[in-house]
Amino acid sequence: MKEAYFDSTYLFKVHCVEYGTTEVRACAATMDCVVSALHGRAEFASACHRKMREKSGTQEHLKEMLAQLEMETHLGALRWLPITKDIVALVESIYQCAPAHIFLRASDALHLACAAHHGFKEIYSNDQHLLAAAPLFGLKGLNIIPLR
Protein backbone atom coordinates (compact mmCIF):
# COMPACT_ATOMS: atom_id res chain seq x y z
CA MET A 1 0.00 0.00 0.00
CA LYS A 2 1.43 3.35 -1.03
CA GLU A 3 1.04 5.94 1.72
CA ALA A 4 2.26 9.48 2.32
CA TYR A 5 2.36 11.43 5.56
CA PHE A 6 0.81 14.90 5.12
CA ASP A 7 0.84 17.53 7.83
CA SER A 8 -2.31 19.63 8.23
CA THR A 9 -1.10 22.33 5.80
CA TYR A 10 -1.05 19.76 3.01
CA LEU A 11 -4.31 18.14 4.13
CA PHE A 12 -5.96 21.53 3.94
CA LYS A 13 -4.67 22.13 0.42
CA VAL A 14 -6.32 18.89 -0.70
CA HIS A 15 -9.69 20.24 0.45
CA CYS A 16 -9.54 23.98 -0.12
CA VAL A 17 -8.42 25.70 -3.30
CA GLU A 18 -5.40 27.89 -2.59
CA TYR A 19 -1.83 28.19 -3.80
CA GLY A 20 -0.35 24.68 -4.05
CA THR A 21 -3.66 22.81 -4.24
CA THR A 22 -2.99 21.45 -7.75
CA GLU A 23 0.37 19.92 -6.81
CA VAL A 24 -0.80 18.50 -3.47
CA ARG A 25 -3.96 16.98 -4.96
CA ALA A 26 -1.89 15.39 -7.74
CA CYS A 27 0.46 13.88 -5.16
CA ALA A 28 -2.43 12.61 -3.01
CA ALA A 29 -4.01 11.02 -6.08
CA THR A 30 -0.94 8.79 -6.49
CA MET A 31 -1.36 7.39 -2.97
CA ASP A 32 -3.58 4.61 -1.70
CA CYS A 33 -3.86 6.46 1.58
CA VAL A 34 -2.83 9.78 3.10
CA VAL A 35 -1.77 9.58 6.74
CA SER A 36 -1.53 12.22 9.46
CA ALA A 37 -1.39 12.46 13.25
CA LEU A 38 -4.72 12.70 15.04
CA HIS A 39 -4.10 16.25 16.23
CA GLY A 40 -4.03 17.20 12.53
CA ARG A 41 -7.83 16.93 12.59
CA ALA A 42 -7.97 19.80 15.09
CA GLU A 43 -5.48 21.78 13.02
CA PHE A 44 -7.60 21.15 9.91
CA ALA A 45 -10.75 22.39 11.67
CA SER A 46 -8.82 25.46 12.83
CA ALA A 47 -7.71 26.20 9.25
CA CYS A 48 -11.32 25.87 8.06
CA HIS A 49 -12.42 28.29 10.76
CA ARG A 50 -9.64 30.70 9.78
CA LYS A 51 -11.08 30.84 6.25
CA MET A 52 -14.45 31.74 7.75
CA ARG A 53 -12.88 34.39 9.98
CA GLU A 54 -11.07 35.87 6.97
CA LYS A 55 -14.41 35.93 5.11
CA SER A 56 -13.10 33.67 2.34
CA GLY A 57 -15.26 30.78 3.54
CA THR A 58 -18.62 30.23 5.18
CA GLN A 59 -19.80 28.09 8.04
CA GLU A 60 -21.50 25.83 5.49
CA HIS A 61 -18.18 25.48 3.62
CA LEU A 62 -16.46 24.58 6.92
CA LYS A 63 -19.07 21.88 7.60
CA GLU A 64 -18.71 20.50 4.08
CA MET A 65 -14.92 20.27 4.36
CA LEU A 66 -15.14 18.50 7.73
CA ALA A 67 -17.75 16.10 6.33
CA GLN A 68 -15.48 15.36 3.36
CA LEU A 69 -12.58 14.67 5.73
CA GLU A 70 -14.79 12.27 7.70
CA MET A 71 -15.92 10.49 4.52
CA GLU A 72 -12.31 10.04 3.34
CA THR A 73 -11.47 8.63 6.77
CA HIS A 74 -14.43 6.24 6.62
CA LEU A 75 -13.45 5.08 3.11
CA GLY A 76 -9.82 4.47 4.16
CA ALA A 77 -8.31 7.14 1.91
CA LEU A 78 -7.22 9.04 5.02
CA ARG A 79 -5.81 7.45 8.16
CA TRP A 80 -5.21 9.12 11.52
CA LEU A 81 -2.34 8.00 13.75
CA PRO A 82 -2.72 8.26 17.52
CA ILE A 83 -0.49 10.41 19.70
CA THR A 84 0.93 8.02 22.28
CA LYS A 85 3.24 8.31 25.29
CA ASP A 86 6.08 6.98 23.13
CA ILE A 87 5.54 9.75 20.58
CA VAL A 88 5.50 12.42 23.31
CA ALA A 89 8.67 10.87 24.77
CA LEU A 90 10.32 11.13 21.34
CA VAL A 91 9.32 14.80 21.12
CA GLU A 92 10.82 15.43 24.56
CA SER A 93 14.07 13.67 23.63
CA ILE A 94 14.40 15.71 20.43
CA TYR A 95 13.85 18.99 22.27
CA GLN A 96 16.63 18.00 24.71
CA CYS A 97 19.21 17.77 21.92
CA ALA A 98 17.82 20.16 19.28
CA PRO A 99 20.09 23.07 18.38
CA ALA A 100 18.95 26.43 19.76
CA HIS A 101 18.47 27.89 16.26
CA ILE A 102 15.75 25.34 15.35
CA PHE A 103 12.24 26.80 15.59
CA LEU A 104 10.11 23.77 16.45
CA ARG A 105 6.49 24.22 17.50
CA ALA A 106 4.93 21.48 19.61
CA SER A 107 2.28 20.64 16.99
CA ASP A 108 4.96 20.30 14.30
CA ALA A 109 7.08 18.16 16.62
CA LEU A 110 4.08 15.86 17.14
CA HIS A 111 3.65 15.45 13.38
CA LEU A 112 7.35 14.72 12.94
CA ALA A 113 7.55 12.30 15.86
CA CYS A 114 4.37 10.53 14.78
CA ALA A 115 5.66 10.08 11.23
CA ALA A 116 9.05 8.83 12.44
CA HIS A 117 7.55 6.52 15.07
CA HIS A 118 5.34 4.87 12.46
CA GLY A 119 8.23 4.26 10.08
CA PHE A 120 7.72 7.00 7.51
CA LYS A 121 10.90 8.24 5.84
CA GLU A 122 9.33 11.41 4.40
CA ILE A 123 6.83 14.02 5.47
CA TYR A 124 5.00 16.38 3.12
CA SER A 125 4.47 19.98 4.18
CA ASN A 126 4.98 23.53 3.06
CA ASP A 127 5.70 24.70 6.61
CA GLN A 128 9.33 25.83 6.49
CA HIS A 129 9.86 25.36 10.24
CA LEU A 130 8.57 21.79 10.14
CA LEU A 131 10.65 21.00 7.06
CA ALA A 132 13.80 22.42 8.68
CA ALA A 133 13.27 20.27 11.79
CA ALA A 134 12.47 17.05 9.89
CA PRO A 135 16.08 15.75 9.87
CA LEU A 136 16.12 15.84 13.69
CA PHE A 137 13.54 13.04 13.51
CA GLY A 138 15.35 11.14 10.74
CA LEU A 139 12.84 12.34 8.15
CA LYS A 140 13.17 13.94 4.76
CA GLY A 141 10.90 16.97 4.50
CA LEU A 142 9.26 17.37 1.11
CA ASN A 143 7.51 20.40 -0.30
CA ILE A 144 6.26 19.82 -3.83
CA ILE A 145 4.70 23.28 -4.10
CA PRO A 146 6.78 25.63 -6.29
CA LEU A 147 8.16 28.66 -4.51
CA ARG A 148 6.58 31.91 -5.55
C-alpha atoms as a PDB file:
ATOM      1  CA  MET A   1       0.000   0.000   0.000  1.00  0.00           C
ATOM      2  CA  LYS A   2       1.430   3.345  -1.031  1.00  0.00           C
ATOM      3  CA  GLU A   3       1.037   5.944   1.720  1.00  0.00           C
ATOM      4  CA  ALA A   4       2.262   9.484   2.322  1.00  0.00           C
ATOM      5  CA  TYR A   5       2.356  11.431   5.556  1.00  0.00           C
ATOM      6  CA  PHE A   6       0.812  14.901   5.120  1.00  0.00           C
ATOM      7  CA  ASP A   7       0.837  17.528   7.827  1.00  0.00           C
ATOM      8  CA  SER A   8      -2.307  19.633   8.226  1.00  0.00           C
ATOM      9  CA  THR A   9      -1.103  22.334   5.800  1.00  0.00           C
ATOM     10  CA  TYR A  10      -1.052  19.757   3.007  1.00  0.00           C
ATOM     11  CA  LEU A  11      -4.315  18.145   4.127  1.00  0.00           C
ATOM     12  CA  PHE A  12      -5.965  21.533   3.939  1.00  0.00           C
ATOM     13  CA  LYS A  13      -4.665  22.131   0.421  1.00  0.00           C
ATOM     14  CA  VAL A  14      -6.321  18.891  -0.700  1.00  0.00           C
ATOM     15  CA  HIS A  15      -9.693  20.237   0.451  1.00  0.00           C
ATOM     16  CA  CYS A  16      -9.542  23.983  -0.124  1.00  0.00           C
ATOM     17  CA  VAL A  17      -8.422  25.704  -3.299  1.00  0.00           C
ATOM     18  CA  GLU A  18      -5.397  27.886  -2.594  1.00  0.00           C
ATOM     19  CA  TYR A  19      -1.829  28.187  -3.797  1.00  0.00           C
ATOM     20  CA  GLY A  20      -0.354  24.678  -4.051  1.00  0.00           C
ATOM     21  CA  THR A  21      -3.660  22.805  -4.237  1.00  0.00           C
ATOM     22  CA  THR A  22      -2.993  21.452  -7.747  1.00  0.00           C
ATOM     23  CA  GLU A  23       0.367  19.923  -6.812  1.00  0.00           C
ATOM     24  CA  VAL A  24      -0.798  18.504  -3.473  1.00  0.00           C
ATOM     25  CA  ARG A  25      -3.958  16.976  -4.964  1.00  0.00           C
ATOM     26  CA  ALA A  26      -1.891  15.392  -7.739  1.00  0.00           C
ATOM     27  CA  CYS A  27       0.458  13.878  -5.164  1.00  0.00           C
ATOM     28  CA  ALA A  28      -2.429  12.613  -3.005  1.00  0.00           C
ATOM     29  CA  ALA A  29      -4.008  11.022  -6.084  1.00  0.00           C
ATOM     30  CA  THR A  30      -0.939   8.791  -6.493  1.00  0.00           C
ATOM     31  CA  MET A  31      -1.360   7.389  -2.975  1.00  0.00           C
ATOM     32  CA  ASP A  32      -3.578   4.606  -1.699  1.00  0.00           C
ATOM     33  CA  CYS A  33      -3.863   6.459   1.581  1.00  0.00           C
ATOM     34  CA  VAL A  34      -2.830   9.775   3.103  1.00  0.00           C
ATOM     35  CA  VAL A  35      -1.768   9.579   6.737  1.00  0.00           C
ATOM     36  CA  SER A  36      -1.526  12.216   9.462  1.00  0.00           C
ATOM     37  CA  ALA A  37      -1.394  12.465  13.252  1.00  0.00           C
ATOM     38  CA  LEU A  38      -4.716  12.697  15.039  1.00  0.00           C
ATOM     39  CA  HIS A  39      -4.095  16.253  16.233  1.00  0.00           C
ATOM     40  CA  GLY A  40      -4.031  17.199  12.531  1.00  0.00           C
ATOM     41  CA  ARG A  41      -7.832  16.934  12.591  1.00  0.00           C
ATOM     42  CA  ALA A  42      -7.975  19.802  15.088  1.00  0.00           C
ATOM     43  CA  GLU A  43      -5.476  21.778  13.018  1.00  0.00           C
ATOM     44  CA  PHE A  44      -7.603  21.151   9.908  1.00  0.00           C
ATOM     45  CA  ALA A  45     -10.749  22.390  11.667  1.00  0.00           C
ATOM     46  CA  SER A  46      -8.817  25.455  12.826  1.00  0.00           C
ATOM     47  CA  ALA A  47      -7.709  26.196   9.246  1.00  0.00           C
ATOM     48  CA  CYS A  48     -11.324  25.870   8.064  1.00  0.00           C
ATOM     49  CA  HIS A  49     -12.418  28.292  10.762  1.00  0.00           C
ATOM     50  CA  ARG A  50      -9.639  30.704   9.779  1.00  0.00           C
ATOM     51  CA  LYS A  51     -11.084  30.840   6.252  1.00  0.00           C
ATOM     52  CA  MET A  52     -14.454  31.736   7.747  1.00  0.00           C
ATOM     53  CA  ARG A  53     -12.884  34.387   9.983  1.00  0.00           C
ATOM     54  CA  GLU A  54     -11.072  35.866   6.965  1.00  0.00           C
ATOM     55  CA  LYS A  55     -14.412  35.926   5.107  1.00  0.00           C
ATOM     56  CA  SER A  56     -13.098  33.667   2.337  1.00  0.00           C
ATOM     57  CA  GLY A  57     -15.265  30.781   3.542  1.00  0.00           C
ATOM     58  CA  THR A  58     -18.619  30.233   5.177  1.00  0.00           C
ATOM     59  CA  GLN A  59     -19.803  28.086   8.040  1.00  0.00           C
ATOM     60  CA  GLU A  60     -21.497  25.828   5.489  1.00  0.00           C
ATOM     61  CA  HIS A  61     -18.176  25.481   3.622  1.00  0.00           C
ATOM     62  CA  LEU A  62     -16.464  24.578   6.919  1.00  0.00           C
ATOM     63  CA  LYS A  63     -19.073  21.883   7.603  1.00  0.00           C
ATOM     64  CA  GLU A  64     -18.707  20.502   4.077  1.00  0.00           C
ATOM     65  CA  MET A  65     -14.924  20.270   4.358  1.00  0.00           C
ATOM     66  CA  LEU A  66     -15.138  18.503   7.728  1.00  0.00           C
ATOM     67  CA  ALA A  67     -17.752  16.103   6.334  1.00  0.00           C
ATOM     68  CA  GLN A  68     -15.477  15.357   3.360  1.00  0.00           C
ATOM     69  CA  LEU A  69     -12.579  14.667   5.733  1.00  0.00           C
ATOM     70  CA  GLU A  70     -14.790  12.268   7.704  1.00  0.00           C
ATOM     71  CA  MET A  71     -15.920  10.494   4.517  1.00  0.00           C
ATOM     72  CA  GLU A  72     -12.312  10.040   3.345  1.00  0.00           C
ATOM     73  CA  THR A  73     -11.469   8.627   6.772  1.00  0.00           C
ATOM     74  CA  HIS A  74     -14.427   6.235   6.616  1.00  0.00           C
ATOM     75  CA  LEU A  75     -13.451   5.078   3.108  1.00  0.00           C
ATOM     76  CA  GLY A  76      -9.821   4.469   4.155  1.00  0.00           C
ATOM     77  CA  ALA A  77      -8.307   7.138   1.914  1.00  0.00           C
ATOM     78  CA  LEU A  78      -7.223   9.042   5.018  1.00  0.00           C
ATOM     79  CA  ARG A  79      -5.810   7.452   8.162  1.00  0.00           C
ATOM     80  CA  TRP A  80      -5.206   9.123  11.517  1.00  0.00           C
ATOM     81  CA  LEU A  81      -2.339   8.002  13.749  1.00  0.00           C
ATOM     82  CA  PRO A  82      -2.720   8.260  17.520  1.00  0.00           C
ATOM     83  CA  ILE A  83      -0.487  10.407  19.699  1.00  0.00           C
ATOM     84  CA  THR A  84       0.932   8.025  22.276  1.00  0.00           C
ATOM     85  CA  LYS A  85       3.241   8.311  25.287  1.00  0.00           C
ATOM     86  CA  ASP A  86       6.085   6.984  23.127  1.00  0.00           C
ATOM     87  CA  ILE A  87       5.540   9.750  20.583  1.00  0.00           C
ATOM     88  CA  VAL A  88       5.499  12.417  23.308  1.00  0.00           C
ATOM     89  CA  ALA A  89       8.672  10.872  24.766  1.00  0.00           C
ATOM     90  CA  LEU A  90      10.322  11.129  21.339  1.00  0.00           C
ATOM     91  CA  VAL A  91       9.323  14.796  21.122  1.00  0.00           C
ATOM     92  CA  GLU A  92      10.824  15.428  24.558  1.00  0.00           C
ATOM     93  CA  SER A  93      14.074  13.673  23.630  1.00  0.00           C
ATOM     94  CA  ILE A  94      14.404  15.710  20.427  1.00  0.00           C
ATOM     95  CA  TYR A  95      13.855  18.987  22.271  1.00  0.00           C
ATOM     96  CA  GLN A  96      16.626  17.999  24.708  1.00  0.00           C
ATOM     97  CA  CYS A  97      19.207  17.771  21.920  1.00  0.00           C
ATOM     98  CA  ALA A  98      17.820  20.163  19.282  1.00  0.00           C
ATOM     99  CA  PRO A  99      20.089  23.072  18.383  1.00  0.00           C
ATOM    100  CA  ALA A 100      18.954  26.430  19.756  1.00  0.00           C
ATOM    101  CA  HIS A 101      18.468  27.895  16.265  1.00  0.00           C
ATOM    102  CA  ILE A 102      15.755  25.337  15.354  1.00  0.00           C
ATOM    103  CA  PHE A 103      12.243  26.801  15.587  1.00  0.00           C
ATOM    104  CA  LEU A 104      10.110  23.774  16.454  1.00  0.00           C
ATOM    105  CA  ARG A 105       6.492  24.223  17.501  1.00  0.00           C
ATOM    106  CA  ALA A 106       4.926  21.480  19.607  1.00  0.00           C
ATOM    107  CA  SER A 107       2.282  20.644  16.987  1.00  0.00           C
ATOM    108  CA  ASP A 108       4.964  20.302  14.305  1.00  0.00           C
ATOM    109  CA  ALA A 109       7.077  18.156  16.623  1.00  0.00           C
ATOM    110  CA  LEU A 110       4.084  15.860  17.140  1.00  0.00           C
ATOM    111  CA  HIS A 111       3.648  15.447  13.377  1.00  0.00           C
ATOM    112  CA  LEU A 112       7.347  14.722  12.938  1.00  0.00           C
ATOM    113  CA  ALA A 113       7.549  12.304  15.859  1.00  0.00           C
ATOM    114  CA  CYS A 114       4.374  10.530  14.778  1.00  0.00           C
ATOM    115  CA  ALA A 115       5.656  10.080  11.227  1.00  0.00           C
ATOM    116  CA  ALA A 116       9.054   8.834  12.442  1.00  0.00           C
ATOM    117  CA  HIS A 117       7.553   6.524  15.073  1.00  0.00           C
ATOM    118  CA  HIS A 118       5.336   4.874  12.461  1.00  0.00           C
ATOM    119  CA  GLY A 119       8.230   4.259  10.078  1.00  0.00           C
ATOM    120  CA  PHE A 120       7.722   6.999   7.511  1.00  0.00           C
ATOM    121  CA  LYS A 121      10.902   8.237   5.836  1.00  0.00           C
ATOM    122  CA  GLU A 122       9.331  11.410   4.396  1.00  0.00           C
ATOM    123  CA  ILE A 123       6.831  14.024   5.474  1.00  0.00           C
ATOM    124  CA  TYR A 124       5.002  16.377   3.117  1.00  0.00           C
ATOM    125  CA  SER A 125       4.475  19.980   4.185  1.00  0.00           C
ATOM    126  CA  ASN A 126       4.981  23.529   3.064  1.00  0.00           C
ATOM    127  CA  ASP A 127       5.697  24.698   6.607  1.00  0.00           C
ATOM    128  CA  GLN A 128       9.325  25.833   6.485  1.00  0.00           C
ATOM    129  CA  HIS A 129       9.860  25.359  10.236  1.00  0.00           C
ATOM    130  CA  LEU A 130       8.569  21.790  10.142  1.00  0.00           C
ATOM    131  CA  LEU A 131      10.654  21.004   7.063  1.00  0.00           C
ATOM    132  CA  ALA A 132      13.804  22.421   8.684  1.00  0.00           C
ATOM    133  CA  ALA A 133      13.268  20.270  11.791  1.00  0.00           C
ATOM    134  CA  ALA A 134      12.466  17.045   9.887  1.00  0.00           C
ATOM    135  CA  PRO A 135      16.081  15.750   9.866  1.00  0.00           C
ATOM    136  CA  LEU A 136      16.123  15.837  13.689  1.00  0.00           C
ATOM    137  CA  PHE A 137      13.545  13.038  13.510  1.00  0.00           C
ATOM    138  CA  GLY A 138      15.345  11.138  10.744  1.00  0.00           C
ATOM    139  CA  LEU A 139      12.841  12.344   8.152  1.00  0.00           C
ATOM    140  CA  LYS A 140      13.166  13.941   4.759  1.00  0.00           C
ATOM    141  CA  GLY A 141      10.904  16.971   4.504  1.00  0.00           C
ATOM    142  CA  LEU A 142       9.255  17.369   1.107  1.00  0.00           C
ATOM    143  CA  ASN A 143       7.505  20.402  -0.304  1.00  0.00           C
ATOM    144  CA  ILE A 144       6.256  19.821  -3.833  1.00  0.00           C
ATOM    145  CA  ILE A 145       4.702  23.278  -4.105  1.00  0.00           C
ATOM    146  CA  PRO A 146       6.783  25.631  -6.295  1.00  0.00           C
ATOM    147  CA  LEU A 147       8.165  28.656  -4.511  1.00  0.00           C
ATOM    148  CA  ARG A 148       6.578  31.913  -5.555  1.00  0.00           C
END
